[in-house]
C-alpha atoms as a PDB file:
ATOM      1  CA  MET A   1     176.443  -9.205  -8.062  1.00  0.00           C
ATOM      2  CA  LYS A   2     178.740 -12.098  -7.241  1.00  0.00           C
ATOM      3  CA  PHE A   3     181.636  -9.631  -6.986  1.00  0.00           C
ATOM      4  CA  PHE A   4     179.643  -7.449  -4.545  1.00  0.00           C
ATOM      5  CA  ASN A   5     178.835 -10.425  -2.265  1.00  0.00           C
ATOM      6  CA  THR A   6     182.479 -11.532  -2.226  1.00  0.00           C
ATOM      7  CA  PHE A   7     183.589  -7.953  -1.489  1.00  0.00           C
ATOM      8  CA  ALA A   8     181.046  -7.614   1.394  1.00  0.00           C
ATOM      9  CA  CYS A   9     182.147 -10.949   2.931  1.00  0.00           C
ATOM     10  CA  TYR A  10     185.770  -9.826   2.760  1.00  0.00           C
ATOM     11  CA  PHE A  11     185.059  -6.620   4.723  1.00  0.00           C
ATOM     12  CA  LYS A  12     182.947  -8.431   7.306  1.00  0.00           C
ATOM     13  CA  SER A  13     185.858 -10.759   8.031  1.00  0.00           C
ATOM     14  CA  LEU A  14     188.247  -7.840   8.663  1.00  0.00           C
ATOM     15  CA  LYS A  15     188.376  -6.430  12.172  1.00  0.00           C
ATOM     16  CA  MET A  16     188.511  -2.724  11.614  1.00  0.00           C
ATOM     17  CA  GLY A  17     188.685   0.062  14.149  1.00  0.00           C
ATOM     18  CA  ARG A  18     189.690   0.032  17.786  1.00  0.00           C
ATOM     19  CA  LYS A  19     189.368  -2.835  20.184  1.00  0.00           C
ATOM     20  CA  LYS A  20     186.065  -2.700  22.067  1.00  0.00           C
ATOM     21  CA  LEU A  21     186.569  -1.124  25.479  1.00  0.00           C
ATOM     22  CA  GLU A  22     185.297  -3.095  28.433  1.00  0.00           C
ATOM     23  CA  ARG A  23     182.945  -1.321  30.788  1.00  0.00           C
ATOM     24  CA  PRO A  24     184.379  -0.945  34.314  1.00  0.00           C
ATOM     25  CA  GLY A  25     182.777  -3.073  37.012  1.00  0.00           C
ATOM     26  CA  ILE A  26     180.125  -1.687  39.343  1.00  0.00           C
ATOM     27  CA  ASP A  27     182.552  -1.663  42.282  1.00  0.00           C
ATOM     28  CA  THR A  28     185.055   0.413  40.301  1.00  0.00           C
ATOM     29  CA  LEU A  29     182.374   2.889  39.211  1.00  0.00           C
ATOM     30  CA  PHE A  30     180.976   3.134  42.743  1.00  0.00           C
ATOM     31  CA  SER A  31     184.444   3.786  44.153  1.00  0.00           C
ATOM     32  CA  THR A  32     185.144   6.507  41.581  1.00  0.00           C
ATOM     33  CA  VAL A  33     181.827   8.293  42.169  1.00  0.00           C
ATOM     34  CA  SER A  34     182.267   7.972  45.951  1.00  0.00           C
ATOM     35  CA  HIS A  35     185.601   9.755  45.771  1.00  0.00           C
ATOM     36  CA  MET A  36     184.058  12.483  43.596  1.00  0.00           C
ATOM     37  CA  LEU A  37     181.293  13.265  46.092  1.00  0.00           C
ATOM     38  CA  VAL A  38     182.747  12.445  49.515  1.00  0.00           C
ATOM     39  CA  PRO A  39     186.084  13.749  50.848  1.00  0.00           C
ATOM     40  CA  GLU A  40     188.796  11.132  51.392  1.00  0.00           C
ATOM     41  CA  HIS A  41     189.118  11.790  55.138  1.00  0.00           C
ATOM     42  CA  ILE A  42     185.438  10.872  55.598  1.00  0.00           C
ATOM     43  CA  LEU A  43     185.632   7.728  53.438  1.00  0.00           C
ATOM     44  CA  GLU A  44     188.478   6.560  55.676  1.00  0.00           C
ATOM     45  CA  TYR A  45     186.029   6.045  58.574  1.00  0.00           C
ATOM     46  CA  PHE A  46     182.587   5.846  56.931  1.00  0.00           C
ATOM     47  CA  ASP A  47     180.893   3.764  54.225  1.00  0.00           C
ATOM     48  CA  ILE A  48     178.135   4.965  51.923  1.00  0.00           C
ATOM     49  CA  TRP A  49     174.866   3.210  52.789  1.00  0.00           C
ATOM     50  CA  GLY A  50     172.457   5.050  50.556  1.00  0.00           C
ATOM     51  CA  ALA A  51     171.611   8.125  48.563  1.00  0.00           C
ATOM     52  CA  ARG A  52     168.298   9.861  48.217  1.00  0.00           C
ATOM     53  CA  GLU A  53     167.058  12.731  46.100  1.00  0.00           C
ATOM     54  CA  TYR A  54     164.707  15.260  47.642  1.00  0.00           C
ATOM     55  CA  LYS A  55     163.033  18.162  45.873  1.00  0.00           C
ATOM     56  CA  GLU A  56     165.680  20.672  46.932  1.00  0.00           C
ATOM     57  CA  ARG A  57     168.768  18.554  47.755  1.00  0.00           C
ATOM     58  CA  TRP A  58     170.584  15.238  47.613  1.00  0.00           C
ATOM     59  CA  VAL A  59     171.494  13.324  50.792  1.00  0.00           C
ATOM     60  CA  ILE A  60     174.186  10.673  50.950  1.00  0.00           C
ATOM     61  CA  GLU A  61     173.775   8.487  54.040  1.00  0.00           C
ATOM     62  CA  MET A  62     176.995   7.237  55.582  1.00  0.00           C
ATOM     63  CA  ARG A  63     177.639   4.879  58.482  1.00  0.00           C
ATOM     64  CA  GLU A  64     180.776   4.437  60.511  1.00  0.00           C
ATOM     65  CA  LYS A  65     182.794   1.387  59.504  1.00  0.00           C
ATOM     66  CA  GLU A  66     182.877  -1.538  61.900  1.00  0.00           C
ATOM     67  CA  GLY A  67     185.875  -1.982  64.121  1.00  0.00           C
ATOM     68  CA  PHE A  68     186.529   1.603  65.181  1.00  0.00           C
ATOM     69  CA  ILE A  69     185.997   1.006  68.914  1.00  0.00           C
ATOM     70  CA  PRO A  70     186.246   4.196  71.025  1.00  0.00           C
ATOM     71  CA  LYS A  71     189.481   4.593  73.017  1.00  0.00           C
ATOM     72  CA  GLU A  72     187.615   4.339  76.333  1.00  0.00           C
ATOM     73  CA  LEU A  73     186.513   0.787  75.462  1.00  0.00           C
ATOM     74  CA  ALA A  74     189.612  -0.382  73.572  1.00  0.00           C
ATOM     75  CA  ASN A  75     190.790  -2.783  76.305  1.00  0.00           C
ATOM     76  CA  CYS A  76     187.376  -4.169  77.280  1.00  0.00           C
ATOM     77  CA  ASP A  77     186.227  -7.627  76.220  1.00  0.00           C
ATOM     78  CA  ASP A  78     182.477  -7.117  76.627  1.00  0.00           C
ATOM     79  CA  VAL A  79     181.956  -4.276  74.097  1.00  0.00           C
ATOM     80  CA  VAL A  80     178.731  -4.398  72.090  1.00  0.00           C
ATOM     81  CA  LEU A  81     177.293  -2.201  69.353  1.00  0.00           C
ATOM     82  CA  ASP A  82     174.269  -0.296  70.634  1.00  0.00           C
ATOM     83  CA  GLY A  83     172.861   1.404  67.554  1.00  0.00           C
ATOM     84  CA  PHE A  84     173.931   4.764  66.177  1.00  0.00           C
ATOM     85  CA  CYS A  85     174.221   8.317  67.448  1.00  0.00           C
ATOM     86  CA  ASN A  86     172.030  11.080  66.042  1.00  0.00           C
ATOM     87  CA  PRO A  87     173.266  11.859  62.538  1.00  0.00           C
ATOM     88  CA  LEU A  88     175.507  14.774  61.672  1.00  0.00           C
ATOM     89  CA  GLU A  89     174.542  16.519  58.452  1.00  0.00           C
ATOM     90  CA  MET A  90     176.958  18.666  56.472  1.00  0.00           C
ATOM     91  CA  LEU A  91     177.175  20.255  53.049  1.00  0.00           C
ATOM     92  CA  SER A  92     179.580  18.411  50.781  1.00  0.00           C
ATOM     93  CA  HIS A  93     179.136  19.770  47.237  1.00  0.00           C
ATOM     94  CA  SER A  94     176.632  21.449  45.012  1.00  0.00           C
ATOM     95  CA  PHE A  95     175.918  20.039  41.566  1.00  0.00           C
ATOM     96  CA  VAL A  96     173.003  20.296  39.143  1.00  0.00           C
ATOM     97  CA  CYS A  97     171.578  23.223  41.103  1.00  0.00           C
ATOM     98  CA  LYS A  98     171.057  21.056  44.195  1.00  0.00           C
ATOM     99  CA  PRO A  99     173.315  20.854  47.221  1.00  0.00           C
ATOM    100  CA  ILE A 100     174.656  17.462  48.259  1.00  0.00           C
ATOM    101  CA  TYR A 101     174.606  16.781  51.989  1.00  0.00           C
ATOM    102  CA  LEU A 102     176.328  13.980  53.865  1.00  0.00           C
ATOM    103  CA  ARG A 103     174.296  12.441  56.690  1.00  0.00           C
ATOM    104  CA  VAL A 104     176.872  10.714  58.879  1.00  0.00           C
ATOM    105  CA  PHE A 105     175.925   8.125  61.496  1.00  0.00           C
ATOM    106  CA  ARG A 106     178.538   7.283  64.141  1.00  0.00           C
ATOM    107  CA  ARG A 107     178.280   3.913  65.837  1.00  0.00           C
ATOM    108  CA  ARG A 108     177.391   3.844  69.524  1.00  0.00           C
ATOM    109  CA  TYR A 109     179.063   1.286  71.785  1.00  0.00           C
ATOM    110  CA  LYS A 110     178.687   0.203  75.376  1.00  0.00           C
ATOM    111  CA  ARG A 111     179.864  -2.521  77.685  1.00  0.00           C
ATOM    112  CA  SER A 112     177.331  -5.318  77.891  1.00  0.00           C
ATOM    113  CA  SER A 113     177.052  -4.833  81.656  1.00  0.00           C
ATOM    114  CA  SER A 114     176.489  -1.064  81.496  1.00  0.00           C
ATOM    115  CA  ASP A 115     174.170   1.556  80.014  1.00  0.00           C
ATOM    116  CA  ILE A 116     176.903   4.155  79.464  1.00  0.00           C
ATOM    117  CA  HIS A 117     177.411   4.808  75.745  1.00  0.00           C
ATOM    118  CA  PHE A 118     180.590   5.732  73.910  1.00  0.00           C
ATOM    119  CA  SER A 119     181.191   6.889  70.355  1.00  0.00           C
ATOM    120  CA  ASN A 120     184.079   8.217  68.324  1.00  0.00           C
ATOM    121  CA  GLU A 121     184.546  11.908  67.659  1.00  0.00           C
ATOM    122  CA  TYR A 122     185.704  13.023  64.213  1.00  0.00           C
ATOM    123  CA  ASP A 123     186.773  16.396  62.890  1.00  0.00           C
ATOM    124  CA  LEU A 124     184.523  16.333  59.799  1.00  0.00           C
ATOM    125  CA  THR A 125     183.369  19.929  59.379  1.00  0.00           C
ATOM    126  CA  LEU A 126     184.787  23.434  59.460  1.00  0.00           C
ATOM    127  CA  LYS A 127     184.544  25.029  62.879  1.00  0.00           C
ATOM    128  CA  GLY A 128     181.222  26.848  63.236  1.00  0.00           C
ATOM    129  CA  VAL A 129     179.936  25.772  59.801  1.00  0.00           C
ATOM    130  CA  ARG A 130     178.131  22.594  58.773  1.00  0.00           C
ATOM    131  CA  MET A 131     180.186  21.871  55.651  1.00  0.00           C
ATOM    132  CA  VAL A 132     183.178  19.746  54.811  1.00  0.00           C
ATOM    133  CA  PRO A 133     186.484  21.646  54.877  1.00  0.00           C
ATOM    134  CA  GLU A 134     187.008  21.167  51.127  1.00  0.00           C
ATOM    135  CA  MET A 135     183.780  23.032  50.358  1.00  0.00           C
ATOM    136  CA  GLY A 136     184.668  25.835  52.767  1.00  0.00           C
ATOM    137  CA  PHE A 137     188.142  26.254  51.249  1.00  0.00           C
ATOM    138  CA  PHE A 138     186.617  26.313  47.763  1.00  0.00           C
ATOM    139  CA  LEU A 139     184.147  29.044  48.745  1.00  0.00           C
ATOM    140  CA  LYS A 140     186.907  31.039  50.442  1.00  0.00           C
ATOM    141  CA  GLU A 141     188.997  30.915  47.236  1.00  0.00           C
ATOM    142  CA  GLU A 142     186.034  32.258  45.249  1.00  0.00           C
ATOM    143  CA  ASP A 143     185.916  35.378  47.475  1.00  0.00           C
END
């Protein structure tokens, strides 16, 4: 029995196997998943603000990043944020038998002394179809 206890202690003191892998941080995981679900050209101008599952689809809510002032107001000093435009919704991907839609909110700006609103225009979807170009090209290849 003494031999068995000595033998067991010896093996416990040895570090066998591979080094324990560290889990990536939340920011790294979030960034990786973001790039899987949202095309790069959209992530350049928009941040993910939320995601919600509905019975028949997923919706990823995105908001325009701060600092992208429309060209018409670029040289004005009295520019203020005045909420968001109506959202644009487009098909991004389809996983687990549910489509994934992006709901994109563009910021709305105005001069503090005026009620005329300005917002940026982005080429986010295929012409005539509410889906990101990557999804449209994928479907076209399948034909």
